Protein backbone atom coordinates (compact mmCIF):
# COMPACT_ATOMS: atom_id res chain seq x y z
CA MET A 1 -86.88 39.40 18.30
CA SER A 2 -85.42 37.20 21.65
CA GLU A 3 -85.27 38.83 25.08
CA ALA A 4 -81.43 40.20 25.89
CA SER A 5 -79.99 37.39 27.92
CA PRO A 6 -79.31 38.29 31.38
CA ARG A 7 -76.01 40.09 33.05
CA LYS A 8 -73.78 38.15 34.64
CA ALA A 9 -72.21 38.17 37.59
CA VAL A 10 -70.22 36.66 39.89
CA ILE A 11 -70.38 38.07 43.51
CA LEU A 12 -68.42 36.51 46.47
CA VAL A 13 -71.02 35.29 48.97
CA SER A 14 -69.38 34.45 52.63
CA GLY A 15 -72.79 32.78 54.77
CA GLY A 16 -73.29 36.68 56.75
CA MET A 17 -75.49 38.75 56.72
CA ASP A 18 -74.55 41.27 53.93
CA SER A 19 -73.67 39.47 50.98
CA ALA A 20 -76.80 37.51 51.59
CA VAL A 21 -78.07 41.08 51.11
CA THR A 22 -75.84 41.39 48.26
CA ILE A 23 -76.93 38.31 45.63
CA ALA A 24 -80.85 39.91 46.34
CA ILE A 25 -79.86 43.58 45.38
CA ALA A 26 -78.33 42.09 42.12
CA ARG A 27 -81.29 39.74 41.55
CA GLU A 28 -83.55 42.68 42.05
CA GLN A 29 -81.79 44.32 39.19
CA GLY A 30 -81.90 41.75 37.06
CA TYR A 31 -78.80 39.93 37.11
CA GLN A 32 -77.75 36.38 36.93
CA VAL A 33 -75.41 35.29 40.61
CA HIS A 34 -73.09 33.05 39.82
CA ALA A 35 -72.26 33.06 43.95
CA LEU A 36 -68.51 31.68 44.61
CA SER A 37 -66.99 31.52 48.14
CA VAL A 38 -63.58 31.08 49.29
CA ALA A 39 -62.16 27.89 51.16
CA TYR A 40 -59.41 29.79 52.39
CA GLY A 41 -58.66 27.81 56.17
CA GLN A 42 -61.14 29.86 57.90
CA ARG A 43 -62.22 28.76 61.64
CA HIS A 44 -65.23 27.17 60.61
CA SER A 45 -67.58 24.89 57.70
CA SER A 46 -70.73 26.30 58.70
CA GLU A 47 -70.31 29.40 56.85
CA LEU A 48 -68.96 27.89 53.68
CA GLU A 49 -72.89 25.28 54.46
CA ALA A 50 -73.90 29.10 55.13
CA SER A 51 -73.06 29.75 51.58
CA ALA A 52 -74.34 27.43 50.01
CA ARG A 53 -77.20 27.10 51.46
CA VAL A 54 -78.24 31.32 51.39
CA SER A 55 -77.05 31.42 47.80
CA ARG A 56 -79.71 28.85 46.60
CA LEU A 57 -81.95 30.48 48.82
CA LEU A 58 -81.51 33.48 47.13
CA GLY A 59 -81.85 32.01 43.68
CA ALA A 60 -78.32 31.33 42.35
CA VAL A 61 -78.12 29.41 39.27
CA GLU A 62 -74.79 28.49 40.57
CA HIS A 63 -72.54 28.79 43.90
CA LYS A 64 -68.73 27.63 43.48
CA THR A 65 -66.51 26.66 46.47
CA VAL A 66 -62.83 27.65 45.61
CA HIS A 67 -59.89 26.46 48.14
CA ALA A 68 -57.14 28.99 48.63
CA ASP A 69 -55.16 27.67 52.26
CA LEU A 70 -54.38 30.76 53.70
CA ARG A 71 -54.15 29.01 56.67
CA SER A 72 -50.40 28.22 56.01
CA ILE A 73 -49.28 31.39 55.57
CA GLY A 74 -51.04 32.15 58.88
CA GLY A 75 -50.84 35.61 60.84
CA SER A 76 -55.03 36.04 61.31
CA ALA A 77 -57.25 34.81 64.55
CA LEU A 78 -59.29 33.45 61.90
CA THR A 79 -55.96 31.04 60.43
CA ALA A 80 -54.01 30.66 63.20
CA ASP A 81 -53.87 29.81 66.61
CA ILE A 82 -54.80 33.10 68.06
CA ASP A 83 -57.44 33.72 70.35
CA VAL A 84 -60.44 35.31 68.23
CA PRO A 85 -60.90 39.27 70.94
CA GLU A 86 -64.01 38.97 72.26
CA GLU A 87 -63.95 43.07 73.28
CA GLY A 88 -63.36 45.52 70.93
CA GLY A 89 -59.52 47.73 70.74
CA GLU A 90 -57.68 50.18 68.34
CA GLY A 91 -56.81 50.56 65.34
CA ILE A 92 -56.94 46.83 63.17
CA PRO A 93 -57.92 43.80 64.59
CA VAL A 94 -56.29 40.35 64.73
CA THR A 95 -59.21 38.97 62.19
CA TYR A 96 -58.29 40.36 59.67
CA VAL A 97 -56.43 37.89 57.25
CA PRO A 98 -54.00 39.77 55.42
CA ALA A 99 -54.44 40.26 51.60
CA ARG A 100 -57.95 38.27 52.26
CA ASN A 101 -60.61 40.35 50.07
CA THR A 102 -57.08 40.07 47.12
CA ILE A 103 -57.25 37.20 46.60
CA MET A 104 -60.43 36.60 46.49
CA LEU A 105 -61.99 39.76 44.45
CA SER A 106 -58.97 37.91 41.87
CA ILE A 107 -60.66 34.49 41.84
CA ALA A 108 -64.05 36.39 41.39
CA LEU A 109 -61.92 38.03 38.39
CA GLY A 110 -60.77 35.09 36.87
CA TRP A 111 -64.16 33.36 37.37
CA ALA A 112 -66.18 36.01 35.51
CA GLU A 113 -63.58 36.49 32.75
CA VAL A 114 -64.53 32.88 31.74
CA LEU A 115 -68.22 33.05 32.46
CA GLY A 116 -67.95 36.53 29.88
CA SER A 117 -69.50 38.72 32.70
CA SER A 118 -68.32 42.62 32.97
CA ASP A 119 -69.53 42.20 36.78
CA ILE A 120 -68.21 40.92 39.86
CA TRP A 121 -70.38 42.62 43.67
CA CYS A 122 -69.11 42.10 47.70
CA GLY A 123 -70.47 42.73 50.49
CA VAL A 124 -68.19 45.03 51.75
CA ASN A 125 -68.92 47.93 54.44
CA ALA A 126 -66.86 50.29 55.97
CA VAL A 127 -69.38 51.99 58.59
CA ASP A 128 -70.09 48.89 60.82
CA TYR A 129 -67.46 47.44 59.97
CA SER A 130 -63.58 46.10 62.46
CA GLY A 131 -61.50 48.50 60.56
CA TYR A 132 -60.13 46.16 57.95
CA PRO A 133 -57.87 48.35 54.74
CA ASP A 134 -59.85 46.23 52.58
CA CYS A 135 -63.55 46.72 53.46
CA ARG A 136 -62.53 50.13 52.56
CA PRO A 137 -63.99 52.89 49.04
CA ALA A 138 -59.93 53.81 48.30
CA PHE A 139 -59.38 49.15 48.40
CA ILE A 140 -62.33 48.53 45.93
CA GLU A 141 -61.69 51.55 43.14
CA ALA A 142 -57.94 50.45 43.08
CA PHE A 143 -59.09 47.14 42.24
CA GLU A 144 -60.93 48.20 39.90
CA GLN A 145 -58.29 50.13 38.18
CA LEU A 146 -56.17 47.13 38.67
CA ALA A 147 -58.54 44.88 37.07
CA ASN A 148 -59.51 46.87 34.01
CA VAL A 149 -55.75 46.12 33.09
CA ALA A 150 -54.82 43.07 33.82
CA THR A 151 -57.01 41.30 32.02
CA LYS A 152 -58.61 40.26 28.52
CA ALA A 153 -62.35 41.49 29.01
CA GLY A 154 -60.32 45.04 30.83
CA VAL A 155 -58.00 45.86 28.14
CA GLU A 156 -60.39 44.22 24.60
CA GLY A 157 -63.63 44.08 26.28
CA ALA A 158 -66.23 45.39 28.13
CA GLY A 159 -64.75 46.38 31.12
CA ILE A 160 -64.72 44.94 34.82
CA ARG A 161 -66.93 46.35 36.98
CA ILE A 162 -66.89 46.22 41.22
CA HIS A 163 -70.04 46.50 42.78
CA ALA A 164 -69.94 47.04 46.78
CA PRO A 165 -73.70 48.09 46.87
CA LEU A 166 -73.32 47.86 51.42
CA MET A 167 -70.55 49.99 51.39
CA ARG A 168 -71.97 52.99 53.02
CA MET A 169 -74.59 51.14 54.98
CA SER A 170 -75.09 50.63 58.29
CA LYS A 171 -75.98 47.19 60.17
CA ALA A 172 -79.31 48.75 60.90
CA ASP A 173 -79.33 49.84 57.29
CA ILE A 174 -78.55 46.28 55.83
CA ALA A 175 -80.98 44.56 57.68
CA ARG A 176 -84.12 46.86 57.09
CA GLU A 177 -82.85 45.83 53.42
CA GLY A 178 -82.46 42.12 53.87
CA LEU A 179 -86.05 42.04 55.50
CA ARG A 180 -86.88 44.35 52.41
CA LEU A 181 -86.34 41.59 49.96
CA GLY A 182 -86.83 38.87 51.77
CA VAL A 183 -83.71 37.52 53.33
CA ASP A 184 -84.00 34.95 56.01
CA PHE A 185 -81.10 36.02 57.65
CA ALA A 186 -81.72 32.98 60.18
CA GLU A 187 -79.94 30.91 56.87
CA THR A 188 -76.56 32.67 57.23
CA VAL A 189 -73.76 33.17 59.31
CA SER A 190 -72.04 35.69 60.79
CA CYS A 191 -69.30 34.93 63.69
CA TYR A 192 -65.42 34.40 63.42
CA GLN A 193 -66.08 31.25 65.99
CA ALA A 194 -69.23 29.60 64.82
CA ASP A 195 -70.14 25.72 66.08
CA ALA A 196 -70.27 23.26 63.63
CA GLN A 197 -74.33 23.81 63.75
CA GLY A 198 -73.63 27.37 62.70
CA ARG A 199 -74.47 28.54 65.98
CA ALA A 200 -72.96 31.63 66.71
CA CYS A 201 -70.75 33.09 69.85
CA GLY A 202 -72.51 36.13 70.90
CA HIS A 203 -68.77 37.54 71.78
CA CYS A 204 -66.95 38.05 68.90
CA ASP A 205 -66.50 40.98 67.04
CA ALA A 206 -69.18 40.34 64.26
CA CYS A 207 -71.73 38.98 66.50
CA ARG A 208 -71.24 42.47 68.28
CA LEU A 209 -71.84 44.34 64.53
CA ARG A 210 -74.34 41.96 63.08
CA ALA A 211 -76.63 41.81 66.79
CA GLN A 212 -75.85 45.76 66.98
CA GLY A 213 -77.33 46.32 63.24
CA PHE A 214 -80.45 44.70 64.69
CA ARG A 215 -81.51 46.63 67.38
CA GLU A 216 -80.51 49.70 65.51
CA ALA A 217 -83.20 48.89 62.68
CA GLY A 218 -85.35 47.65 65.80
CA LEU A 219 -86.05 44.23 64.08
CA PRO A 220 -85.71 40.95 66.12
CA ASP A 221 -82.36 38.73 65.48
CA PRO A 222 -82.64 35.33 64.26
CA THR A 223 -79.14 34.30 64.92
CA ARG A 224 -78.64 31.13 66.59
CA TYR A 225 -76.43 31.60 69.12
CA VAL A 226 -74.76 28.42 71.38
């Protein structure tokens, strides 16, 4: 009897530490990883370069980049001429990109149907994060419900599952899990305003949360700073 084919997973990959650990978790669970990045008009291309690099290093069978021009509608410090804040504040920050995770998961949903995959993975986190509404459990649960009424796979097939394994982990937990799984965090880029070489500013929200995670985990910070 021949061995069963590995389960296919579509995994959203941003180039940062969270999505890298998500790939590693999926691989450990036996999934064949089809990595998906979205060029949405973000400030720099170094995170997209990191996405391709990290996907390859962590054993994805393919990596695809899809273009969706969110800069044309703006509304965020990551897609418009708005300064990236270097101090935390109250409420949802200006680095929130309107509907970004909804759009990216929708693209992943389409690709999953084409591949015959029932499993979409993403690295959203609702513990040490910037407070974005589309990184919370209620959003992931609602999107999974949507996926199962909006697609042929949901209505006639095996159904769609949205996996968010880091949802309730702290950044320190994520750093330790990545260490356990052999993730090379030096290859990842988290900074909202990294330079062309992928070097981090060290001041934005993403940099602060990342540095805090390594510090609290008792691990050396491999981030390359400007």
